Amino acid sequence: MMKIGKALGSTVVVSIFALALAACSKEPAGPTAQPTEEALPEPAASVAIEPAAVPTAIPAVLQGRWGIVDADCTSTRGDAKGLLTIDADTLKFYESAATLGAIQSGSASALKASFAFTGEGQSWNLDVALSSPDGGKTLIRKDTGPDAAPGTLTYKKCP
């Protein structure tokens, strides 16, 4: 009798273990359920990434009167050789001017573009990079091209 009880007890334990294992199984016990339309995840919305807008004019923070030295801003004799006046599409220097051409890149505080220069009976083209790293207090100018002066020029905003 004892042998039958042990055998029956072992069978019960194994059966309970098998049932517990079946309950934890990831497979459904009944017929395979098919997902409905409501259960299907929504497809991810495609996000269009637009390229940063290239300005169509010289940014406002770069416009105004700029001097290399303080006297460029205050001279009343017309000899402010380092004065640069910038508007939406023109750079005006002491003896020359440049008209905005093709814009290569830009932001609210920087611009790189081609400019057509004229002055003293001559004309030439340069690529000019303008930027203001401090919100309009200083202007950095770098010209590139065959007739460009080497280096960069730093201007201060005229009062």
Foldseek 3Di string as FASTA:
>chain_A
DVVVVVVVVVVVVVVVVVVVVVVPDPDDPDPDDDDDPVRDDDDDDDDDDDPDDFDPWDAPLQAAKWFLDLCLQVDPPLPSQRIWGDDGFKIDGSFKIWGFDAWDGDDNFKTWGKIWMDGPHDIDIWIKIWGDPPRRQKIKIAIDDPPGDDDIGIIGHHD
